[in-house]
Amino acid sequence: TSTNEAPNAPIIPKRLWAALVTHSSVSPDLLWGDASKAIIRSLANSLASFPLQTTGFSSFKEEFVTAGGVFLKEVQLTNME
């Protein structure tokens, strides 16, 4: 949890948990804290293999944000050097 969250805040949002268990063999009544390592691994595999279709760009252009720490002024865009 982040410092802005309550100490007992869930590790993942309730709606995400509900979607994960809906698309897996996990009981929707299972609490995250009661999930075994095998169940968590199964959920991770289900999440990683879940097909998502890209339908377009967002209006905020988040998809163009990089996390590499390279200033664009240092890159020659014609040859990407």
PDB file of N, CA and C in Angstrom:
ATOM      1  N   THR A   1       0.833  -1.192   0.000  1.00  0.00           N
ATOM      2  CA  THR A   1       0.000   0.000   0.000  1.00  0.00           C
ATOM      3  C   THR A   1       0.870   1.244   0.000  1.00  0.00           C
ATOM      4  N   SER A   2       0.339   2.333  -0.498  1.00  0.00           N
ATOM      5  CA  SER A   2       1.096   3.579  -0.490  1.00  0.00           C
ATOM      6  C   SER A   2       0.871   4.297   0.841  1.00  0.00           C
ATOM      7  N   THR A   3       1.613   5.355   1.056  1.00  0.00           N
ATOM      8  CA  THR A   3       1.484   6.100   2.308  1.00  0.00           C
ATOM      9  C   THR A   3       0.162   6.838   2.397  1.00  0.00           C
ATOM     10  N   ASN A   4      -0.547   7.013   1.275  1.00  0.00           N
ATOM     11  CA  ASN A   4      -1.824   7.714   1.282  1.00  0.00           C
ATOM     12  C   ASN A   4      -2.992   6.785   1.592  1.00  0.00           C
ATOM     13  N   GLU A   5      -2.752   5.505   1.657  1.00  0.00           N
ATOM     14  CA  GLU A   5      -3.822   4.544   1.875  1.00  0.00           C
ATOM     15  C   GLU A   5      -3.888   4.138   3.336  1.00  0.00           C
ATOM     16  N   ALA A   6      -5.052   3.653   3.713  1.00  0.00           N
ATOM     17  CA  ALA A   6      -5.235   3.146   5.065  1.00  0.00           C
ATOM     18  C   ALA A   6      -4.358   1.911   5.263  1.00  0.00           C
ATOM     19  N   PRO A   7      -3.913   1.645   6.486  1.00  0.00           N
ATOM     20  CA  PRO A   7      -3.024   0.506   6.733  1.00  0.00           C
ATOM     21  C   PRO A   7      -3.635  -0.835   6.328  1.00  0.00           C
ATOM     22  N   ASN A   8      -4.955  -0.957   6.378  1.00  0.00           N
ATOM     23  CA  ASN A   8      -5.610  -2.219   6.035  1.00  0.00           C
ATOM     24  C   ASN A   8      -6.199  -2.203   4.635  1.00  0.00           C
ATOM     25  N   ALA A   9      -5.750  -1.304   3.788  1.00  0.00           N
ATOM     26  CA  ALA A   9      -6.265  -1.223   2.425  1.00  0.00           C
ATOM     27  C   ALA A   9      -5.921  -2.496   1.666  1.00  0.00           C
ATOM     28  N   PRO A  10      -6.821  -2.938   0.784  1.00  0.00           N
ATOM     29  CA  PRO A  10      -6.538  -4.157   0.015  1.00  0.00           C
ATOM     30  C   PRO A  10      -5.313  -3.994  -0.879  1.00  0.00           C
ATOM     31  N   ILE A  11      -4.648  -5.111  -1.146  1.00  0.00           N
ATOM     32  CA  ILE A  11      -3.469  -5.097  -2.009  1.00  0.00           C
ATOM     33  C   ILE A  11      -3.866  -4.743  -3.439  1.00  0.00           C
ATOM     34  N   ILE A  12      -4.998  -5.279  -3.872  1.00  0.00           N
ATOM     35  CA  ILE A  12      -5.512  -4.943  -5.196  1.00  0.00           C
ATOM     36  C   ILE A  12      -6.944  -4.436  -5.040  1.00  0.00           C
ATOM     37  N   PRO A  13      -7.410  -3.586  -5.949  1.00  0.00           N
ATOM     38  CA  PRO A  13      -8.773  -3.063  -5.848  1.00  0.00           C
ATOM     39  C   PRO A  13      -9.822  -4.173  -5.911  1.00  0.00           C
ATOM     40  N   LYS A  14     -10.936  -3.964  -5.220  1.00  0.00           N
ATOM     41  CA  LYS A  14     -12.004  -4.973  -5.169  1.00  0.00           C
ATOM     42  C   LYS A  14     -12.538  -5.317  -6.550  1.00  0.00           C
ATOM     43  N   ARG A  15     -12.687  -4.324  -7.414  1.00  0.00           N
ATOM     44  CA  ARG A  15     -13.228  -4.591  -8.752  1.00  0.00           C
ATOM     45  C   ARG A  15     -12.265  -5.431  -9.583  1.00  0.00           C
ATOM     46  N   LEU A  16     -10.965  -5.203  -9.421  1.00  0.00           N
ATOM     47  CA  LEU A  16      -9.981  -6.025 -10.130  1.00  0.00           C
ATOM     48  C   LEU A  16     -10.032  -7.450  -9.606  1.00  0.00           C
ATOM     49  N   TRP A  17     -10.107  -7.605  -8.289  1.00  0.00           N
ATOM     50  CA  TRP A  17     -10.197  -8.937  -7.691  1.00  0.00           C
ATOM     51  C   TRP A  17     -11.432  -9.662  -8.223  1.00  0.00           C
ATOM     52  N   ALA A  18     -12.580  -8.973  -8.278  1.00  0.00           N
ATOM     53  CA  ALA A  18     -13.811  -9.591  -8.774  1.00  0.00           C
ATOM     54  C   ALA A  18     -13.655 -10.032 -10.227  1.00  0.00           C
ATOM     55  N   ALA A  19     -13.016  -9.202 -11.044  1.00  0.00           N
ATOM     56  CA  ALA A  19     -12.807  -9.569 -12.453  1.00  0.00           C
ATOM     57  C   ALA A  19     -11.861 -10.757 -12.578  1.00  0.00           C
ATOM     58  N   LEU A  20     -10.799 -10.777 -11.758  1.00  0.00           N
ATOM     59  CA  LEU A  20      -9.848 -11.890 -11.817  1.00  0.00           C
ATOM     60  C   LEU A  20     -10.501 -13.212 -11.458  1.00  0.00           C
ATOM     61  N   VAL A  21     -11.276 -13.229 -10.381  1.00  0.00           N
ATOM     62  CA  VAL A  21     -11.880 -14.497  -9.974  1.00  0.00           C
ATOM     63  C   VAL A  21     -13.001 -14.918 -10.915  1.00  0.00           C
ATOM     64  N   THR A  22     -13.634 -13.947 -11.568  1.00  0.00           N
ATOM     65  CA  THR A  22     -14.673 -14.274 -12.542  1.00  0.00           C
ATOM     66  C   THR A  22     -14.085 -15.036 -13.726  1.00  0.00           C
ATOM     67  N   HIS A  23     -12.863 -14.682 -14.132  1.00  0.00           N
ATOM     68  CA  HIS A  23     -12.217 -15.293 -15.292  1.00  0.00           C
ATOM     69  C   HIS A  23     -11.233 -16.384 -14.902  1.00  0.00           C
ATOM     70  N   SER A  24     -11.401 -16.943 -13.721  1.00  0.00           N
ATOM     71  CA  SER A  24     -10.523 -18.029 -13.290  1.00  0.00           C
ATOM     72  C   SER A  24     -11.342 -19.042 -12.511  1.00  0.00           C
ATOM     73  N   SER A  25     -10.675 -20.026 -11.985  1.00  0.00           N
ATOM     74  CA  SER A  25     -11.363 -21.070 -11.229  1.00  0.00           C
ATOM     75  C   SER A  25     -11.366 -20.783  -9.731  1.00  0.00           C
ATOM     76  N   VAL A  26     -11.119 -19.542  -9.339  1.00  0.00           N
ATOM     77  CA  VAL A  26     -11.049 -19.164  -7.937  1.00  0.00           C
ATOM     78  C   VAL A  26     -12.436 -18.739  -7.456  1.00  0.00           C
ATOM     79  N   SER A  27     -12.775 -19.123  -6.243  1.00  0.00           N
ATOM     80  CA  SER A  27     -14.058 -18.753  -5.655  1.00  0.00           C
ATOM     81  C   SER A  27     -14.125 -17.248  -5.445  1.00  0.00           C
ATOM     82  N   PRO A  28     -15.238 -16.621  -5.830  1.00  0.00           N
ATOM     83  CA  PRO A  28     -15.373 -15.181  -5.618  1.00  0.00           C
ATOM     84  C   PRO A  28     -15.444 -14.810  -4.140  1.00  0.00           C
ATOM     85  N   ASP A  29     -15.710 -15.791  -3.289  1.00  0.00           N
ATOM     86  CA  ASP A  29     -15.786 -15.533  -1.844  1.00  0.00           C
ATOM     87  C   ASP A  29     -14.417 -15.559  -1.174  1.00  0.00           C
ATOM     88  N   LEU A  30     -13.388 -15.985  -1.908  1.00  0.00           N
ATOM     89  CA  LEU A  30     -12.041 -16.065  -1.343  1.00  0.00           C
ATOM     90  C   LEU A  30     -11.489 -14.667  -1.116  1.00  0.00           C
ATOM     91  N   LEU A  31     -10.941 -14.446   0.053  1.00  0.00           N
ATOM     92  CA  LEU A  31     -10.292 -13.173   0.347  1.00  0.00           C
ATOM     93  C   LEU A  31      -8.840 -13.244  -0.099  1.00  0.00           C
ATOM     94  N   TRP A  32      -8.296 -12.125  -0.556  1.00  0.00           N
ATOM     95  CA  TRP A  32      -6.918 -12.080  -1.057  1.00  0.00           C
ATOM     96  C   TRP A  32      -5.946 -12.612  -0.016  1.00  0.00           C
ATOM     97  N   GLY A  33      -6.151 -12.247   1.223  1.00  0.00           N
ATOM     98  CA  GLY A  33      -5.253 -12.679   2.289  1.00  0.00           C
ATOM     99  C   GLY A  33      -5.291 -14.174   2.547  1.00  0.00           C
ATOM    100  N   ASP A  34      -6.356 -14.829   2.102  1.00  0.00           N
ATOM    101  CA  ASP A  34      -6.487 -16.281   2.286  1.00  0.00           C
ATOM    102  C   ASP A  34      -6.025 -17.071   1.068  1.00  0.00           C
ATOM    103  N   ALA A  35      -5.626 -16.390   0.017  1.00  0.00           N
ATOM    104  CA  ALA A  35      -5.209 -17.061  -1.222  1.00  0.00           C
ATOM    105  C   ALA A  35      -3.832 -17.697  -1.039  1.00  0.00           C
ATOM    106  N   SER A  36      -3.719 -18.954  -1.428  1.00  0.00           N
ATOM    107  CA  SER A  36      -2.437 -19.655  -1.335  1.00  0.00           C
ATOM    108  C   SER A  36      -1.511 -19.186  -2.458  1.00  0.00           C
ATOM    109  N   LYS A  37      -0.245 -19.559  -2.353  1.00  0.00           N
ATOM    110  CA  LYS A  37       0.708 -19.214  -3.414  1.00  0.00           C
ATOM    111  C   LYS A  37       0.286 -19.827  -4.735  1.00  0.00           C
ATOM    112  N   ALA A  38      -0.264 -21.045  -4.698  1.00  0.00           N
ATOM    113  CA  ALA A  38      -0.706 -21.709  -5.929  1.00  0.00           C
ATOM    114  C   ALA A  38      -1.862 -20.940  -6.576  1.00  0.00           C
ATOM    115  N   ILE A  39      -2.793 -20.444  -5.762  1.00  0.00           N
ATOM    116  CA  ILE A  39      -3.913 -19.664  -6.302  1.00  0.00           C
ATOM    117  C   ILE A  39      -3.408 -18.348  -6.873  1.00  0.00           C
ATOM    118  N   ILE A  40      -2.513 -17.689  -6.165  1.00  0.00           N
ATOM    119  CA  ILE A  40      -1.963 -16.426  -6.661  1.00  0.00           C
ATOM    120  C   ILE A  40      -1.211 -16.651  -7.966  1.00  0.00           C
ATOM    121  N   ARG A  41      -0.450 -17.735  -8.042  1.00  0.00           N
ATOM    122  CA  ARG A  41       0.263 -18.074  -9.279  1.00  0.00           C
ATOM    123  C   ARG A  41      -0.726 -18.333 -10.412  1.00  0.00           C
ATOM    124  N   SER A  42      -1.816 -19.037 -10.116  1.00  0.00           N
ATOM    125  CA  SER A  42      -2.841 -19.307 -11.116  1.00  0.00           C
ATOM    126  C   SER A  42      -3.491 -18.012 -11.596  1.00  0.00           C
ATOM    127  N   LEU A  43      -3.781 -17.108 -10.662  1.00  0.00           N
ATOM    128  CA  LEU A  43      -4.353 -15.813 -11.038  1.00  0.00           C
ATOM    129  C   LEU A  43      -3.388 -15.003 -11.888  1.00  0.00           C
ATOM    130  N   ALA A  44      -2.110 -15.038 -11.534  1.00  0.00           N
ATOM    131  CA  ALA A  44      -1.096 -14.313 -12.311  1.00  0.00           C
ATOM    132  C   ALA A  44      -1.017 -14.866 -13.728  1.00  0.00           C
ATOM    133  N   ASN A  45      -1.061 -16.188 -13.851  1.00  0.00           N
ATOM    134  CA  ASN A  45      -1.038 -16.800 -15.189  1.00  0.00           C
ATOM    135  C   ASN A  45      -2.280 -16.421 -15.979  1.00  0.00           C
ATOM    136  N   SER A  46      -3.441 -16.423 -15.324  1.00  0.00           N
ATOM    137  CA  SER A  46      -4.681 -16.029 -16.003  1.00  0.00           C
ATOM    138  C   SER A  46      -4.611 -14.580 -16.458  1.00  0.00           C
ATOM    139  N   LEU A  47      -4.081 -13.731 -15.608  1.00  0.00           N
ATOM    140  CA  LEU A  47      -3.968 -12.314 -15.945  1.00  0.00           C
ATOM    141  C   LEU A  47      -2.992 -12.092 -17.095  1.00  0.00           C
ATOM    142  N   ALA A  48      -1.865 -12.792 -17.051  1.00  0.00           N
ATOM    143  CA  ALA A  48      -0.846 -12.627 -18.093  1.00  0.00           C
ATOM    144  C   ALA A  48      -1.316 -13.146 -19.441  1.00  0.00           C
ATOM    145  N   SER A  49      -2.194 -14.125 -19.438  1.00  0.00           N
ATOM    146  CA  SER A  49      -2.647 -14.700 -20.709  1.00  0.00           C
ATOM    147  C   SER A  49      -4.009 -14.167 -21.139  1.00  0.00           C
ATOM    148  N   PHE A  50      -4.542 -13.205 -20.410  1.00  0.00           N
ATOM    149  CA  PHE A  50      -5.855 -12.653 -20.733  1.00  0.00           C
ATOM    150  C   PHE A  50      -5.767 -11.804 -21.997  1.00  0.00           C
ATOM    151  N   PRO A  51      -6.566 -12.125 -23.010  1.00  0.00           N
ATOM    152  CA  PRO A  51      -6.485 -11.365 -24.269  1.00  0.00           C
ATOM    153  C   PRO A  51      -7.134  -9.986 -24.135  1.00  0.00           C
ATOM    154  N   LEU A  52      -6.407  -8.979 -24.541  1.00  0.00           N
ATOM    155  CA  LEU A  52      -6.930  -7.619 -24.562  1.00  0.00           C
ATOM    156  C   LEU A  52      -6.745  -7.053 -25.954  1.00  0.00           C
ATOM    157  N   GLN A  53      -7.750  -6.374 -26.433  1.00  0.00           N
ATOM    158  CA  GLN A  53      -7.685  -5.787 -27.766  1.00  0.00           C
ATOM    159  C   GLN A  53      -7.527  -4.280 -27.642  1.00  0.00           C
ATOM    160  N   THR A  54      -6.531  -3.739 -28.308  1.00  0.00           N
ATOM    161  CA  THR A  54      -6.328  -2.297 -28.325  1.00  0.00           C
ATOM    162  C   THR A  54      -7.297  -1.695 -29.330  1.00  0.00           C
ATOM    163  N   THR A  55      -8.019  -0.677 -28.895  1.00  0.00           N
ATOM    164  CA  THR A  55      -9.027  -0.085 -29.771  1.00  0.00           C
ATOM    165  C   THR A  55      -8.681   1.326 -30.213  1.00  0.00           C
ATOM    166  N   GLY A  56      -7.600   1.892 -29.693  1.00  0.00           N
ATOM    167  CA  GLY A  56      -7.226   3.236 -30.102  1.00  0.00           C
ATOM    168  C   GLY A  56      -6.336   3.889 -29.078  1.00  0.00           C
ATOM    169  N   PHE A  57      -6.149   5.166 -29.242  1.00  0.00           N
ATOM    170  CA  PHE A  57      -5.301   5.941 -28.350  1.00  0.00           C
ATOM    171  C   PHE A  57      -6.165   6.643 -27.318  1.00  0.00           C
ATOM    172  N   SER A  58      -5.597   6.893 -26.174  1.00  0.00           N
ATOM    173  CA  SER A  58      -6.319   7.669 -25.166  1.00  0.00           C
ATOM    174  C   SER A  58      -6.218   9.145 -25.515  1.00  0.00           C
ATOM    175  N   SER A  59      -7.029   9.924 -24.873  1.00  0.00           N
ATOM    176  CA  SER A  59      -7.011  11.360 -25.153  1.00  0.00           C
ATOM    177  C   SER A  59      -5.905  12.072 -24.386  1.00  0.00           C
ATOM    178  N   PHE A  60      -5.257  11.376 -23.433  1.00  0.00           N
ATOM    179  CA  PHE A  60      -4.231  12.017 -22.624  1.00  0.00           C
ATOM    180  C   PHE A  60      -2.818  11.688 -23.070  1.00  0.00           C
ATOM    181  N   LYS A  61      -2.649  10.842 -24.048  1.00  0.00           N
ATOM    182  CA  LYS A  61      -1.365  10.487 -24.638  1.00  0.00           C
ATOM    183  C   LYS A  61      -0.422   9.797 -23.652  1.00  0.00           C
ATOM    184  N   GLU A  62      -0.973   9.043 -22.676  1.00  0.00           N
ATOM    185  CA  GLU A  62      -0.129   8.311 -21.741  1.00  0.00           C
ATOM    186  C   GLU A  62       0.721   7.270 -22.448  1.00  0.00           C
ATOM    187  N   GLU A  63       0.215   6.777 -23.578  1.00  0.00           N
ATOM    188  CA  GLU A  63       0.928   5.712 -24.271  1.00  0.00           C
ATOM    189  C   GLU A  63       2.262   6.171 -24.849  1.00  0.00           C
ATOM    190  N   PHE A  64       2.514   7.472 -24.846  1.00  0.00           N
ATOM    191  CA  PHE A  64       3.756   7.975 -25.384  1.00  0.00           C
ATOM    192  C   PHE A  64       4.767   8.348 -24.301  1.00  0.00           C
ATOM    193  N   VAL A  65       4.420   8.128 -23.054  1.00  0.00           N
ATOM    194  CA  VAL A  65       5.310   8.440 -21.947  1.00  0.00           C
ATOM    195  C   VAL A  65       6.350   7.336 -21.816  1.00  0.00           C
ATOM    196  N   THR A  66       7.617   7.719 -21.662  1.00  0.00           N
ATOM    197  CA  THR A  66       8.676   6.731 -21.481  1.00  0.00           C
ATOM    198  C   THR A  66       9.200   6.792 -20.064  1.00  0.00           C
ATOM    199  N   ALA A  67       9.810   5.711 -19.628  1.00  0.00           N
ATOM    200  CA  ALA A  67      10.367   5.660 -18.276  1.00  0.00           C
ATOM    201  C   ALA A  67      11.869   5.411 -18.328  1.00  0.00           C
ATOM    202  N   GLY A  68      12.489   5.649 -19.461  1.00  0.00           N
ATOM    203  CA  GLY A  68      13.904   5.340 -19.609  1.00  0.00           C
ATOM    204  C   GLY A  68      14.846   6.434 -19.170  1.00  0.00           C
ATOM    205  N   GLY A  69      14.348   7.616 -18.959  1.00  0.00           N
ATOM    206  CA  GLY A  69      15.198   8.696 -18.509  1.00  0.00           C
ATOM    207  C   GLY A  69      16.033   9.322 -19.613  1.00  0.00           C
ATOM    208  N   VAL A  70      15.659   9.157 -20.869  1.00  0.00           N
ATOM    209  CA  VAL A  70      16.395   9.738 -21.987  1.00  0.00           C
ATOM    210  C   VAL A  70      15.672  11.001 -22.436  1.00  0.00           C
ATOM    211  N   PHE A  71      16.395  12.114 -22.466  1.00  0.00           N
ATOM    212  CA  PHE A  71      15.817  13.359 -22.933  1.00  0.00           C
ATOM    213  C   PHE A  71      15.694  13.312 -24.451  1.00  0.00           C
ATOM    214  N   LEU A  72      14.538  13.675 -24.962  1.00  0.00           N
ATOM    215  CA  LEU A  72      14.327  13.651 -26.408  1.00  0.00           C
ATOM    216  C   LEU A  72      15.258  14.601 -27.135  1.00  0.00           C
ATOM    217  N   LYS A  73      15.718  15.653 -26.467  1.00  0.00           N
ATOM    218  CA  LYS A  73      16.649  16.585 -27.091  1.00  0.00           C
ATOM    219  C   LYS A  73      17.985  15.908 -27.393  1.00  0.00           C
ATOM    220  N   GLU A  74      18.276  14.808 -26.713  1.00  0.00           N
ATOM    221  CA  GLU A  74      19.529  14.071 -26.909  1.00  0.00           C
ATOM    222  C   GLU A  74      19.415  13.013 -28.012  1.00  0.00           C
ATOM    223  N   VAL A  75      18.213  12.824 -28.568  1.00  0.00           N
ATOM    224  CA  VAL A  75      17.996  11.802 -29.579  1.00  0.00           C
ATOM    225  C   VAL A  75      17.789  12.455 -30.938  1.00  0.00           C
ATOM    226  N   GLN A  76      18.513  11.948 -31.934  1.00  0.00           N
ATOM    227  CA  GLN A  76      18.293  12.392 -33.299  1.00  0.00           C
ATOM    228  C   GLN A  76      17.159  11.547 -33.857  1.00  0.00           C
ATOM    229  N   LEU A  77      15.986  12.141 -33.992  1.00  0.00           N
ATOM    230  CA  LEU A  77      14.804  11.389 -34.349  1.00  0.00           C
ATOM    231  C   LEU A  77      14.860  10.788 -35.745  1.00  0.00           C
ATOM    232  N   THR A  78      15.726  11.309 -36.616  1.00  0.00           N
ATOM    233  CA  THR A  78      15.802  10.774 -37.973  1.00  0.00           C
ATOM    234  C   THR A  78      16.443   9.386 -38.005  1.00  0.00           C
ATOM    235  N   ASN A  79      17.384   9.126 -37.091  1.00  0.00           N
ATOM    236  CA  ASN A  79      18.036   7.804 -37.065  1.00  0.00           C
ATOM    237  C   ASN A  79      18.020   7.163 -35.670  1.00  0.00           C
ATOM    238  N   MET A  80      17.323   7.784 -34.736  1.00  0.00           N
ATOM    239  CA  MET A  80      17.165   7.285 -33.365  1.00  0.00           C
ATOM    240  C   MET A  80      18.491   7.079 -32.635  1.00  0.00           C
ATOM    241  N   GLU A  81      19.488   7.902 -32.969  1.00  0.00           N
ATOM    242  CA  GLU A  81      20.780   7.828 -32.256  1.00  0.00           C
ATOM    243  C   GLU A  81      20.839   8.870 -31.172  1.00  0.00           C
TER     244      GLU A  81
END
